[in-house]
Full PDB file with SEQRES, HELIX, SHEET, SSBOND, CRYST1, ORIGX, SCALE, CONECT and MASTER records, all heavy atoms in Angstrom:
SEQRES   1 A   43  LEU THR VAL ASN ALA MET THR THR ALA ASP THR VAL LEU          
SEQRES   2 A   43  VAL PRO ILE GLN CYS GLU TYR TYR ALA LEU GLU GLY LEU          
SEQRES   3 A   43  SER ASP LEU MET TYR THR ILE GLU LEU VAL LYS SER ARG          
SEQRES   4 A   43  LEU ASN GLU LYS                                              
HELIX    1 AA1 THR A    2  THR A    8  1                                   7    
HELIX    2 AA2 LEU A   26  ARG A   39  1                                  14    
CRYST1    1.000    1.000    1.000  90.00  90.00  90.00 P 1           1          
ORIGX1      1.000000  0.000000  0.000000        0.00000                         
ORIGX2      0.000000  1.000000  0.000000        0.00000                         
ORIGX3      0.000000  0.000000  1.000000        0.00000                         
SCALE1      1.000000  0.000000  0.000000        0.00000                         
SCALE2      0.000000  1.000000  0.000000        0.00000                         
SCALE3      0.000000  0.000000  1.000000        0.00000                         
ATOM      1  N   LEU A   1       6.022   2.096  10.795  1.00  0.00           N  
ATOM      2  CA  LEU A   1       5.792   0.651  10.931  1.00  0.00           C  
ATOM      3  C   LEU A   1       5.341   0.060   9.603  1.00  0.00           C  
ATOM      4  O   LEU A   1       5.812  -1.000   9.180  1.00  0.00           O  
ATOM      5  CB  LEU A   1       4.732   0.385  12.011  1.00  0.00           C  
ATOM      6  CG  LEU A   1       5.046   0.893  13.425  1.00  0.00           C  
ATOM      7  CD1 LEU A   1       3.863   0.632  14.357  1.00  0.00           C  
ATOM      8  CD2 LEU A   1       6.315   0.246  13.977  1.00  0.00           C  
ATOM      9  N   THR A   2       4.415   0.767   8.930  1.00  0.00           N  
ATOM     10  CA  THR A   2       3.917   0.300   7.628  1.00  0.00           C  
ATOM     11  C   THR A   2       5.032   0.328   6.587  1.00  0.00           C  
ATOM     12  O   THR A   2       5.173  -0.599   5.791  1.00  0.00           O  
ATOM     13  CB  THR A   2       2.732   1.169   7.169  1.00  0.00           C  
ATOM     14  OG1 THR A   2       1.733   1.157   8.177  1.00  0.00           O  
ATOM     15  CG2 THR A   2       2.120   0.647   5.881  1.00  0.00           C  
ATOM     16  N   VAL A   3       5.821   1.398   6.606  1.00  0.00           N  
ATOM     17  CA  VAL A   3       6.938   1.511   5.654  1.00  0.00           C  
ATOM     18  C   VAL A   3       7.944   0.381   5.879  1.00  0.00           C  
ATOM     19  O   VAL A   3       8.429  -0.235   4.922  1.00  0.00           O  
ATOM     20  CB  VAL A   3       7.618   2.901   5.748  1.00  0.00           C  
ATOM     21  CG1 VAL A   3       8.899   2.941   4.918  1.00  0.00           C  
ATOM     22  CG2 VAL A   3       6.660   3.990   5.266  1.00  0.00           C  
ATOM     23  N   ASN A   4       8.242   0.053   7.137  1.00  0.00           N  
ATOM     24  CA  ASN A   4       9.126  -1.083   7.443  1.00  0.00           C  
ATOM     25  C   ASN A   4       8.574  -2.378   6.870  1.00  0.00           C  
ATOM     26  O   ASN A   4       9.313  -3.200   6.318  1.00  0.00           O  
ATOM     27  CB  ASN A   4       9.311  -1.218   8.959  1.00  0.00           C  
ATOM     28  CG  ASN A   4      10.672  -0.742   9.428  1.00  0.00           C  
ATOM     29  OD1 ASN A   4      11.650  -1.478   9.389  1.00  0.00           O  
ATOM     30  ND2 ASN A   4      10.733   0.510   9.850  1.00  0.00           N  
ATOM     31  N   ALA A   5       7.258  -2.563   7.019  1.00  0.00           N  
ATOM     32  CA  ALA A   5       6.614  -3.771   6.480  1.00  0.00           C  
ATOM     33  C   ALA A   5       6.739  -3.818   4.959  1.00  0.00           C  
ATOM     34  O   ALA A   5       7.019  -4.869   4.379  1.00  0.00           O  
ATOM     35  CB  ALA A   5       5.149  -3.804   6.894  1.00  0.00           C  
ATOM     36  N   MET A   6       6.560  -2.656   4.314  1.00  0.00           N  
ATOM     37  CA  MET A   6       6.585  -2.618   2.842  1.00  0.00           C  
ATOM     38  C   MET A   6       7.992  -2.741   2.266  1.00  0.00           C  
ATOM     39  O   MET A   6       8.166  -3.239   1.160  1.00  0.00           O  
ATOM     40  CB  MET A   6       5.902  -1.352   2.335  1.00  0.00           C  
ATOM     41  CG  MET A   6       4.396  -1.389   2.507  1.00  0.00           C  
ATOM     42  SD  MET A   6       3.615   0.052   1.763  1.00  0.00           S  
ATOM     43  CE  MET A   6       1.906  -0.193   2.291  1.00  0.00           C  
ATOM     44  N   THR A   7       8.996  -2.282   3.000  1.00  0.00           N  
ATOM     45  CA  THR A   7      10.365  -2.464   2.500  1.00  0.00           C  
ATOM     46  C   THR A   7      10.793  -3.931   2.653  1.00  0.00           C  
ATOM     47  O   THR A   7      11.650  -4.415   1.926  1.00  0.00           O  
ATOM     48  CB  THR A   7      11.386  -1.569   3.255  1.00  0.00           C  
ATOM     49  OG1 THR A   7      11.245  -1.781   4.649  1.00  0.00           O  
ATOM     50  CG2 THR A   7      11.196  -0.115   2.938  1.00  0.00           C  
ATOM     51  N   THR A   8      10.144  -4.641   3.587  1.00  0.00           N  
ATOM     52  CA  THR A   8      10.442  -6.059   3.832  1.00  0.00           C  
ATOM     53  C   THR A   8       9.694  -6.949   2.843  1.00  0.00           C  
ATOM     54  O   THR A   8      10.186  -8.005   2.446  1.00  0.00           O  
ATOM     55  CB  THR A   8      10.012  -6.441   5.267  1.00  0.00           C  
ATOM     56  OG1 THR A   8      10.605  -5.530   6.185  1.00  0.00           O  
ATOM     57  CG2 THR A   8      10.437  -7.852   5.624  1.00  0.00           C  
ATOM     58  N   ALA A   9       8.499  -6.521   2.447  1.00  0.00           N  
ATOM     59  CA  ALA A   9       7.575  -7.370   1.675  1.00  0.00           C  
ATOM     60  C   ALA A   9       7.942  -7.495   0.205  1.00  0.00           C  
ATOM     61  O   ALA A   9       8.578  -6.622  -0.379  1.00  0.00           O  
ATOM     62  CB  ALA A   9       6.160  -6.814   1.807  1.00  0.00           C  
ATOM     63  N   ASP A  10       7.500  -8.606  -0.369  1.00  0.00           N  
ATOM     64  CA  ASP A  10       7.551  -8.779  -1.826  1.00  0.00           C  
ATOM     65  C   ASP A  10       6.290  -8.171  -2.433  1.00  0.00           C  
ATOM     66  O   ASP A  10       6.326  -7.594  -3.518  1.00  0.00           O  
ATOM     67  CB  ASP A  10       7.615 -10.269  -2.192  1.00  0.00           C  
ATOM     68  CG  ASP A  10       8.834 -10.954  -1.582  1.00  0.00           C  
ATOM     69  OD1 ASP A  10       9.949 -10.426  -1.754  1.00  0.00           O  
ATOM     70  OD2 ASP A  10       8.668 -11.998  -0.916  1.00  0.00           O  
ATOM     71  N   THR A  11       5.177  -8.346  -1.701  1.00  0.00           N  
ATOM     72  CA  THR A  11       3.895  -7.867  -2.217  1.00  0.00           C  
ATOM     73  C   THR A  11       3.033  -7.307  -1.077  1.00  0.00           C  
ATOM     74  O   THR A  11       3.272  -7.596   0.091  1.00  0.00           O  
ATOM     75  CB  THR A  11       3.105  -9.004  -2.896  1.00  0.00           C  
ATOM     76  OG1 THR A  11       2.914 -10.070  -1.952  1.00  0.00           O  
ATOM     77  CG2 THR A  11       3.793  -9.537  -4.131  1.00  0.00           C  
ATOM     78  N   VAL A  12       2.031  -6.514  -1.460  1.00  0.00           N  
ATOM     79  CA  VAL A  12       1.061  -5.973  -0.496  1.00  0.00           C  
ATOM     80  C   VAL A  12      -0.325  -6.491  -0.858  1.00  0.00           C  
ATOM     81  O   VAL A  12      -0.773  -6.347  -2.001  1.00  0.00           O  
ATOM     82  CB  VAL A  12       1.040  -4.422  -0.505  1.00  0.00           C  
ATOM     83  CG1 VAL A  12       0.049  -3.904   0.530  1.00  0.00           C  
ATOM     84  CG2 VAL A  12       2.424  -3.854  -0.232  1.00  0.00           C  
ATOM     85  N   LEU A  13      -0.982  -7.114   0.118  1.00  0.00           N  
ATOM     86  CA  LEU A  13      -2.356  -7.587  -0.068  1.00  0.00           C  
ATOM     87  C   LEU A  13      -3.291  -6.573   0.604  1.00  0.00           C  
ATOM     88  O   LEU A  13      -3.057  -6.199   1.753  1.00  0.00           O  
ATOM     89  CB  LEU A  13      -2.525  -8.969   0.558  1.00  0.00           C  
ATOM     90  CG  LEU A  13      -3.908  -9.581   0.371  1.00  0.00           C  
ATOM     91  CD1 LEU A  13      -3.808 -10.853  -0.449  1.00  0.00           C  
ATOM     92  CD2 LEU A  13      -4.544  -9.929   1.699  1.00  0.00           C  
ATOM     93  N   VAL A  14      -4.296  -6.130  -0.125  1.00  0.00           N  
ATOM     94  CA  VAL A  14      -5.174  -5.067   0.379  1.00  0.00           C  
ATOM     95  C   VAL A  14      -6.599  -5.589   0.585  1.00  0.00           C  
ATOM     96  O   VAL A  14      -7.298  -5.881  -0.385  1.00  0.00           O  
ATOM     97  CB  VAL A  14      -5.211  -3.867  -0.610  1.00  0.00           C  
ATOM     98  CG1 VAL A  14      -6.046  -2.728  -0.038  1.00  0.00           C  
ATOM     99  CG2 VAL A  14      -3.801  -3.394  -0.952  1.00  0.00           C  
ATOM    100  N   PRO A  15      -7.037  -5.728   1.838  1.00  0.00           N  
ATOM    101  CA  PRO A  15      -8.433  -6.106   2.082  1.00  0.00           C  
ATOM    102  C   PRO A  15      -9.336  -4.874   1.954  1.00  0.00           C  
ATOM    103  O   PRO A  15      -8.984  -3.795   2.436  1.00  0.00           O  
ATOM    104  CB  PRO A  15      -8.438  -6.614   3.537  1.00  0.00           C  
ATOM    105  CG  PRO A  15      -7.017  -6.538   4.005  1.00  0.00           C  
ATOM    106  CD  PRO A  15      -6.299  -5.608   3.103  1.00  0.00           C  
ATOM    107  N   ILE A  16     -10.464  -5.052   1.287  1.00  0.00           N  
ATOM    108  CA  ILE A  16     -11.433  -3.957   1.136  1.00  0.00           C  
ATOM    109  C   ILE A  16     -12.799  -4.437   1.604  1.00  0.00           C  
ATOM    110  O   ILE A  16     -13.282  -5.482   1.158  1.00  0.00           O  
ATOM    111  CB  ILE A  16     -11.544  -3.507  -0.340  1.00  0.00           C  
ATOM    112  CG1 ILE A  16     -10.239  -2.854  -0.794  1.00  0.00           C  
ATOM    113  CG2 ILE A  16     -12.692  -2.539  -0.525  1.00  0.00           C  
ATOM    114  CD1 ILE A  16     -10.306  -2.332  -2.204  1.00  0.00           C  
ATOM    115  N   GLN A  17     -13.395  -3.670   2.502  1.00  0.00           N  
ATOM    116  CA  GLN A  17     -14.726  -4.006   3.004  1.00  0.00           C  
ATOM    117  C   GLN A  17     -15.775  -3.639   1.960  1.00  0.00           C  
ATOM    118  O   GLN A  17     -15.663  -2.604   1.297  1.00  0.00           O  
ATOM    119  CB  GLN A  17     -14.987  -3.238   4.299  1.00  0.00           C  
ATOM    120  CG  GLN A  17     -16.274  -3.639   4.987  1.00  0.00           C  
ATOM    121  CD  GLN A  17     -16.482  -2.866   6.285  1.00  0.00           C  
ATOM    122  OE1 GLN A  17     -15.640  -2.071   6.681  1.00  0.00           O  
ATOM    123  NE2 GLN A  17     -17.598  -3.090   6.921  1.00  0.00           N  
ATOM    124  N   CYS A  18     -16.766  -4.494   1.811  1.00  0.00           N  
ATOM    125  CA  CYS A  18     -17.840  -4.225   0.843  1.00  0.00           C  
ATOM    126  C   CYS A  18     -18.830  -3.215   1.428  1.00  0.00           C  
ATOM    127  O   CYS A  18     -19.920  -3.571   1.886  1.00  0.00           O  
ATOM    128  CB  CYS A  18     -18.552  -5.521   0.473  1.00  0.00           C  
ATOM    129  SG  CYS A  18     -17.530  -6.620  -0.511  1.00  0.00           S  
ATOM    130  N   GLU A  19     -18.423  -1.953   1.442  1.00  0.00           N  
ATOM    131  CA  GLU A  19     -19.300  -0.906   1.942  1.00  0.00           C  
ATOM    132  C   GLU A  19     -19.120   0.354   1.087  1.00  0.00           C  
ATOM    133  O   GLU A  19     -18.209   0.428   0.260  1.00  0.00           O  
ATOM    134  CB  GLU A  19     -18.987  -0.595   3.418  1.00  0.00           C  
ATOM    135  CG  GLU A  19     -17.555  -0.180   3.659  1.00  0.00           C  
ATOM    136  CD  GLU A  19     -17.412   0.732   4.858  1.00  0.00           C  
ATOM    137  OE1 GLU A  19     -18.028   0.480   5.892  1.00  0.00           O  
ATOM    138  OE2 GLU A  19     -16.645   1.709   4.737  1.00  0.00           O  
ATOM    139  N   TYR A  20     -19.949   1.341   1.320  1.00  0.00           N  
ATOM    140  CA  TYR A  20     -20.021   2.527   0.463  1.00  0.00           C  
ATOM    141  C   TYR A  20     -18.681   3.256   0.330  1.00  0.00           C  
ATOM    142  O   TYR A  20     -18.334   3.741  -0.734  1.00  0.00           O  
ATOM    143  CB  TYR A  20     -21.095   3.480   1.010  1.00  0.00           C  
ATOM    144  CG  TYR A  20     -21.323   4.680   0.125  1.00  0.00           C  
ATOM    145  CD1 TYR A  20     -21.925   4.541  -1.137  1.00  0.00           C  
ATOM    146  CD2 TYR A  20     -20.926   5.947   0.536  1.00  0.00           C  
ATOM    147  CE1 TYR A  20     -22.126   5.635  -1.947  1.00  0.00           C  
ATOM    148  CE2 TYR A  20     -21.127   7.049  -0.266  1.00  0.00           C  
ATOM    149  CZ  TYR A  20     -21.728   6.897  -1.509  1.00  0.00           C  
ATOM    150  OH  TYR A  20     -21.923   7.988  -2.313  1.00  0.00           O  
ATOM    151  N   TYR A  21     -17.931   3.353   1.434  1.00  0.00           N  
ATOM    152  CA  TYR A  21     -16.684   4.117   1.409  1.00  0.00           C  
ATOM    153  C   TYR A  21     -15.458   3.251   1.102  1.00  0.00           C  
ATOM    154  O   TYR A  21     -14.352   3.585   1.475  1.00  0.00           O  
ATOM    155  CB  TYR A  21     -16.469   4.828   2.757  1.00  0.00           C  
ATOM    156  CG  TYR A  21     -17.497   5.891   3.029  1.00  0.00           C  
ATOM    157  CD1 TYR A  21     -18.430   5.735   4.052  1.00  0.00           C  
ATOM    158  CD2 TYR A  21     -17.543   7.056   2.264  1.00  0.00           C  
ATOM    159  CE1 TYR A  21     -19.382   6.706   4.299  1.00  0.00           C  
ATOM    160  CE2 TYR A  21     -18.495   8.033   2.506  1.00  0.00           C  
ATOM    161  CZ  TYR A  21     -19.417   7.864   3.527  1.00  0.00           C  
ATOM    162  OH  TYR A  21     -20.358   8.821   3.768  1.00  0.00           O  
ATOM    163  N   ALA A  22     -15.668   2.145   0.428  1.00  0.00           N  
ATOM    164  CA  ALA A  22     -14.582   1.188   0.187  1.00  0.00           C  
ATOM    165  C   ALA A  22     -13.373   1.816  -0.504  1.00  0.00           C  
ATOM    166  O   ALA A  22     -12.232   1.493  -0.191  1.00  0.00           O  
ATOM    167  CB  ALA A  22     -15.096   0.020  -0.641  1.00  0.00           C  
ATOM    168  N   LEU A  23     -13.638   2.711  -1.460  1.00  0.00           N  
ATOM    169  CA  LEU A  23     -12.538   3.282  -2.234  1.00  0.00           C  
ATOM    170  C   LEU A  23     -11.862   4.460  -1.539  1.00  0.00           C  
ATOM    171  O   LEU A  23     -10.815   4.926  -1.973  1.00  0.00           O  
ATOM    172  CB  LEU A  23     -13.039   3.734  -3.616  1.00  0.00           C  
ATOM    173  CG  LEU A  23     -13.358   2.602  -4.606  1.00  0.00           C  
ATOM    174  CD1 LEU A  23     -14.103   3.124  -5.797  1.00  0.00           C  
ATOM    175  CD2 LEU A  23     -12.092   1.904  -5.049  1.00  0.00           C  
ATOM    176  N   GLU A  24     -12.490   4.916  -0.435  1.00  0.00           N  
ATOM    177  CA  GLU A  24     -11.945   6.071   0.281  1.00  0.00           C  
ATOM    178  C   GLU A  24     -10.580   5.718   0.888  1.00  0.00           C  
ATOM    179  O   GLU A  24     -10.423   4.727   1.572  1.00  0.00           O  
ATOM    180  CB  GLU A  24     -12.907   6.467   1.408  1.00  0.00           C  
ATOM    181  CG  GLU A  24     -12.610   7.813   2.026  1.00  0.00           C  
ATOM    182  CD  GLU A  24     -13.600   8.132   3.142  1.00  0.00           C  
ATOM    183  OE1 GLU A  24     -13.411   7.606   4.243  1.00  0.00           O  
ATOM    184  OE2 GLU A  24     -14.563   8.869   2.887  1.00  0.00           O  
ATOM    185  N   GLY A  25      -9.606   6.549   0.634  1.00  0.00           N  
ATOM    186  CA  GLY A  25      -8.273   6.322   1.204  1.00  0.00           C  
ATOM    187  C   GLY A  25      -7.429   5.326   0.429  1.00  0.00           C  
ATOM    188  O   GLY A  25      -6.233   5.198   0.666  1.00  0.00           O  
ATOM    189  N   LEU A  26      -8.075   4.630  -0.517  1.00  0.00           N  
ATOM    190  CA  LEU A  26      -7.328   3.613  -1.260  1.00  0.00           C  
ATOM    191  C   LEU A  26      -6.271   4.248  -2.158  1.00  0.00           C  
ATOM    192  O   LEU A  26      -5.187   3.701  -2.326  1.00  0.00           O  
ATOM    193  CB  LEU A  26      -8.303   2.768  -2.088  1.00  0.00           C  
ATOM    194  CG  LEU A  26      -7.837   1.359  -2.420  1.00  0.00           C  
ATOM    195  CD1 LEU A  26      -7.514   0.570  -1.168  1.00  0.00           C  
ATOM    196  CD2 LEU A  26      -8.871   0.634  -3.247  1.00  0.00           C  
ATOM    197  N   SER A  27      -6.574   5.426  -2.701  1.00  0.00           N  
ATOM    198  CA  SER A  27      -5.600   6.109  -3.557  1.00  0.00           C  
ATOM    199  C   SER A  27      -4.359   6.503  -2.749  1.00  0.00           C  
ATOM    200  O   SER A  27      -3.240   6.456  -3.255  1.00  0.00           O  
ATOM    201  CB  SER A  27      -6.228   7.338  -4.220  1.00  0.00           C  
ATOM    202  OG  SER A  27      -6.730   8.210  -3.235  1.00  0.00           O  
ATOM    203  N   ASP A  28      -4.565   6.863  -1.455  1.00  0.00           N  
ATOM    204  CA  ASP A  28      -3.423   7.193  -0.585  1.00  0.00           C  
ATOM    205  C   ASP A  28      -2.535   5.973  -0.384  1.00  0.00           C  
ATOM    206  O   ASP A  28      -1.305   6.073  -0.394  1.00  0.00           O  
ATOM    207  CB  ASP A  28      -3.903   7.687   0.793  1.00  0.00           C  
ATOM    208  CG  ASP A  28      -4.582   9.039   0.708  1.00  0.00           C  
ATOM    209  OD1 ASP A  28      -4.345   9.743  -0.288  1.00  0.00           O  
ATOM    210  OD2 ASP A  28      -5.341   9.389   1.622  1.00  0.00           O  
ATOM    211  N   LEU A  29      -3.175   4.823  -0.183  1.00  0.00           N  
ATOM    212  CA  LEU A  29      -2.424   3.586   0.025  1.00  0.00           C  
ATOM    213  C   LEU A  29      -1.634   3.228  -1.237  1.00  0.00           C  
ATOM    214  O   LEU A  29      -0.453   2.873  -1.163  1.00  0.00           O  
ATOM    215  CB  LEU A  29      -3.371   2.442   0.398  1.00  0.00           C  
ATOM    216  CG  LEU A  29      -2.728   1.065   0.606  1.00  0.00           C  
ATOM    217  CD1 LEU A  29      -1.740   1.078   1.767  1.00  0.00           C  
ATOM    218  CD2 LEU A  29      -3.786  -0.005   0.841  1.00  0.00           C  
ATOM    219  N   MET A  30      -2.294   3.341  -2.394  1.00  0.00           N  
ATOM    220  CA  MET A  30      -1.617   3.032  -3.664  1.00  0.00           C  
ATOM    221  C   MET A  30      -0.429   3.979  -3.882  1.00  0.00           C  
ATOM    222  O   MET A  30       0.631   3.565  -4.349  1.00  0.00           O  
ATOM    223  CB  MET A  30      -2.599   3.153  -4.847  1.00  0.00           C  
ATOM    224  CG  MET A  30      -3.742   2.168  -4.789  1.00  0.00           C  
ATOM    225  SD  MET A  30      -3.164   0.458  -4.764  1.00  0.00           S  
ATOM    226  CE  MET A  30      -4.684  -0.405  -4.441  1.00  0.00           C  
ATOM    227  N   TYR A  31      -0.617   5.260  -3.504  1.00  0.00           N  
ATOM    228  CA  TYR A  31       0.457   6.242  -3.640  1.00  0.00           C  
ATOM    229  C   TYR A  31       1.643   5.854  -2.744  1.00  0.00           C  
ATOM    230  O   TYR A  31       2.794   5.914  -3.165  1.00  0.00           O  
ATOM    231  CB  TYR A  31      -0.060   7.637  -3.260  1.00  0.00           C  
ATOM    232  CG  TYR A  31       1.013   8.694  -3.226  1.00  0.00           C  
ATOM    233  CD1 TYR A  31       1.565   9.194  -4.407  1.00  0.00           C  
ATOM    234  CD2 TYR A  31       1.500   9.184  -2.006  1.00  0.00           C  
ATOM    235  CE1 TYR A  31       2.572  10.157  -4.380  1.00  0.00           C  
ATOM    236  CE2 TYR A  31       2.501  10.142  -1.966  1.00  0.00           C  
ATOM    237  CZ  TYR A  31       3.030  10.627  -3.156  1.00  0.00           C  
ATOM    238  OH  TYR A  31       4.031  11.578  -3.114  1.00  0.00           O  
ATOM    239  N   THR A  32       1.345   5.431  -1.501  1.00  0.00           N  
ATOM    240  CA  THR A  32       2.399   5.027  -0.568  1.00  0.00           C  
ATOM    241  C   THR A  32       3.161   3.818  -1.112  1.00  0.00           C  
ATOM    242  O   THR A  32       4.391   3.763  -1.058  1.00  0.00           O  
ATOM    243  CB  THR A  32       1.804   4.683   0.820  1.00  0.00           C  
ATOM    244  OG1 THR A  32       1.109   5.818   1.311  1.00  0.00           O  
ATOM    245  CG2 THR A  32       2.880   4.295   1.815  1.00  0.00           C  
ATOM    246  N   ILE A  33       2.413   2.842  -1.633  1.00  0.00           N  
ATOM    247  CA  ILE A  33       3.048   1.642  -2.195  1.00  0.00           C  
ATOM    248  C   ILE A  33       3.990   2.031  -3.344  1.00  0.00           C  
ATOM    249  O   ILE A  33       5.129   1.559  -3.418  1.00  0.00           O  
ATOM    250  CB  ILE A  33       1.987   0.620  -2.664  1.00  0.00           C  
ATOM    251  CG1 ILE A  33       1.226   0.057  -1.451  1.00  0.00           C  
ATOM    252  CG2 ILE A  33       2.625  -0.517  -3.460  1.00  0.00           C  
ATOM    253  CD1 ILE A  33      -0.021  -0.749  -1.793  1.00  0.00           C  
ATOM    254  N   GLU A  34       3.524   2.925  -4.220  1.00  0.00           N  
ATOM    255  CA  GLU A  34       4.352   3.370  -5.350  1.00  0.00           C  
ATOM    256  C   GLU A  34       5.586   4.133  -4.872  1.00  0.00           C  
ATOM    257  O   GLU A  34       6.677   3.998  -5.424  1.00  0.00           O  
ATOM    258  CB  GLU A  34       3.526   4.248  -6.311  1.00  0.00           C  
ATOM    259  CG  GLU A  34       2.565   3.468  -7.186  1.00  0.00           C  
ATOM    260  CD  GLU A  34       3.258   2.356  -7.978  1.00  0.00           C  
ATOM    261  OE1 GLU A  34       4.335   2.601  -8.569  1.00  0.00           O  
ATOM    262  OE2 GLU A  34       2.738   1.217  -8.002  1.00  0.00           O  
ATOM    263  N   LEU A  35       5.403   4.943  -3.815  1.00  0.00           N  
ATOM    264  CA  LEU A  35       6.509   5.720  -3.250  1.00  0.00           C  
ATOM    265  C   LEU A  35       7.575   4.802  -2.654  1.00  0.00           C  
ATOM    266  O   LEU A  35       8.777   4.981  -2.886  1.00  0.00           O  
ATOM    267  CB  LEU A  35       5.960   6.659  -2.166  1.00  0.00           C  
ATOM    268  CG  LEU A  35       6.758   7.923  -1.844  1.00  0.00           C  
ATOM    269  CD1 LEU A  35       6.885   8.798  -3.091  1.00  0.00           C  
ATOM    270  CD2 LEU A  35       6.085   8.704  -0.726  1.00  0.00           C  
ATOM    271  N   VAL A  36       7.110   3.807  -1.888  1.00  0.00           N  
ATOM    272  CA  VAL A  36       8.039   2.831  -1.295  1.00  0.00           C  
ATOM    273  C   VAL A  36       8.764   2.074  -2.406  1.00  0.00           C  
ATOM    274  O   VAL A  36       9.974   1.840  -2.339  1.00  0.00           O  
ATOM    275  CB  VAL A  36       7.303   1.856  -0.343  1.00  0.00           C  
ATOM    276  CG1 VAL A  36       8.228   0.712   0.084  1.00  0.00           C  
ATOM    277  CG2 VAL A  36       6.775   2.591   0.882  1.00  0.00           C  
ATOM    278  N   LYS A  37       8.015   1.727  -3.451  1.00  0.00           N  
ATOM    279  CA  LYS A  37       8.612   0.987  -4.570  1.00  0.00           C  
ATOM    280  C   LYS A  37       9.690   1.821  -5.266  1.00  0.00           C  
ATOM    281  O   LYS A  37      10.772   1.318  -5.577  1.00  0.00           O  
ATOM    282  CB  LYS A  37       7.517   0.591  -5.577  1.00  0.00           C  
ATOM    283  CG  LYS A  37       8.072  -0.181  -6.759  1.00  0.00           C  
ATOM    284  CD  LYS A  37       6.991  -0.727  -7.652  1.00  0.00           C  
ATOM    285  CE  LYS A  37       7.632  -1.481  -8.814  1.00  0.00           C  
ATOM    286  NZ  LYS A  37       6.682  -2.262  -9.575  1.00  0.00           N  
ATOM    287  N   SER A  38       9.417   3.092  -5.489  1.00  0.00           N  
ATOM    288  CA  SER A  38      10.366   3.929  -6.234  1.00  0.00           C  
ATOM    289  C   SER A  38      11.595   4.312  -5.395  1.00  0.00           C  
ATOM    290  O   SER A  38      12.674   4.514  -5.933  1.00  0.00           O  
ATOM    291  CB  SER A  38       9.677   5.184  -6.766  1.00  0.00           C  
ATOM    292  OG  SER A  38       9.229   5.985  -5.691  1.00  0.00           O  
ATOM    293  N   ARG A  39      11.432   4.393  -4.075  1.00  0.00           N  
ATOM    294  CA  ARG A  39      12.538   4.897  -3.252  1.00  0.00           C  
ATOM    295  C   ARG A  39      13.205   3.867  -2.345  1.00  0.00           C  
ATOM    296  O   ARG A  39      14.360   4.033  -1.971  1.00  0.00           O  
ATOM    297  CB  ARG A  39      12.037   6.058  -2.390  1.00  0.00           C  
ATOM    298  CG  ARG A  39      11.531   7.219  -3.233  1.00  0.00           C  
ATOM    299  CD  ARG A  39      11.249   8.431  -2.408  1.00  0.00           C  
ATOM    300  NE  ARG A  39      10.722   9.499  -3.229  1.00  0.00           N  
ATOM    301  CZ  ARG A  39      10.361  10.675  -2.778  1.00  0.00           C  
ATOM    302  NH1 ARG A  39      10.472  10.946  -1.500  1.00  0.00           N  
ATOM    303  NH2 ARG A  39       9.887  11.610  -3.591  1.00  0.00           N  
ATOM    304  N   LEU A  40      12.466   2.834  -1.954  1.00  0.00           N  
ATOM    305  CA  LEU A  40      13.004   1.935  -0.925  1.00  0.00           C  
ATOM    306  C   LEU A  40      13.024   0.455  -1.297  1.00  0.00           C  
ATOM    307  O   LEU A  40      13.849  -0.298  -0.806  1.00  0.00           O  
ATOM    308  CB  LEU A  40      12.185   2.100   0.377  1.00  0.00           C  
ATOM    309  CG  LEU A  40      12.175   3.491   1.020  1.00  0.00           C  
ATOM    310  CD1 LEU A  40      11.080   3.569   2.073  1.00  0.00           C  
ATOM    311  CD2 LEU A  40      13.523   3.809   1.637  1.00  0.00           C  
ATOM    312  N   ASN A  41      12.060   0.024  -2.124  1.00  0.00           N  
ATOM    313  CA  ASN A  41      11.950  -1.407  -2.431  1.00  0.00           C  
ATOM    314  C   ASN A  41      11.413  -1.584  -3.844  1.00  0.00           C  
ATOM    315  O   ASN A  41      10.211  -1.710  -4.061  1.00  0.00           O  
ATOM    316  CB  ASN A  41      11.017  -2.081  -1.408  1.00  0.00           C  
ATOM    317  CG  ASN A  41      10.838  -3.575  -1.668  1.00  0.00           C  
ATOM    318  OD1 ASN A  41      11.489  -4.148  -2.532  1.00  0.00           O  
ATOM    319  ND2 ASN A  41       9.939  -4.208  -0.921  1.00  0.00           N  
ATOM    320  N   GLU A  42      12.332  -1.603  -4.790  1.00  0.00           N  
ATOM    321  CA  GLU A  42      11.923  -1.617  -6.208  1.00  0.00           C  
ATOM    322  C   GLU A  42      11.187  -2.894  -6.617  1.00  0.00           C  
ATOM    323  O   GLU A  42      10.526  -2.931  -7.654  1.00  0.00           O  
ATOM    324  CB  GLU A  42      13.145  -1.403  -7.111  1.00  0.00           C  
ATOM    325  CG  GLU A  42      14.209  -2.466  -6.966  1.00  0.00           C  
ATOM    326  CD  GLU A  42      15.442  -2.203  -7.842  1.00  0.00           C  
ATOM    327  OE1 GLU A  42      15.641  -1.045  -8.233  1.00  0.00           O  
ATOM    328  OE2 GLU A  42      16.171  -3.173  -8.113  1.00  0.00           O  
ATOM    329  N   LYS A  43      11.298  -3.947  -5.777  1.00  0.00           N  
ATOM    330  CA  LYS A  43      10.637  -5.217  -6.116  1.00  0.00           C  
ATOM    331  C   LYS A  43       9.186  -5.276  -5.616  1.00  0.00           C  
ATOM    332  O   LYS A  43       8.468  -6.234  -5.888  1.00  0.00           O  
ATOM    333  CB  LYS A  43      11.426  -6.385  -5.522  1.00  0.00           C  
ATOM    334  CG  LYS A  43      12.799  -6.555  -6.169  1.00  0.00           C  
ATOM    335  CD  LYS A  43      13.575  -7.679  -5.524  1.00  0.00           C  
ATOM    336  CE  LYS A  43      14.954  -7.813  -6.169  1.00  0.00           C  
ATOM    337  NZ  LYS A  43      15.791  -8.771  -5.438  1.00  0.00           N  
TER     338      LYS A  43                                                      
MASTER        0    0    0    2    0    0    0    6  337    1    0    4          
END                                                                             
């Protein structure tokens, strides 16, 4: 579902909560965005 959204999108907006674990998992999301960009949606 997320991949479908990212192949459709021009951009991804990322909300981050102001709490201690804010950066947790963010690297995974950035990796997914880069993967989608390189393989499915270069824009």
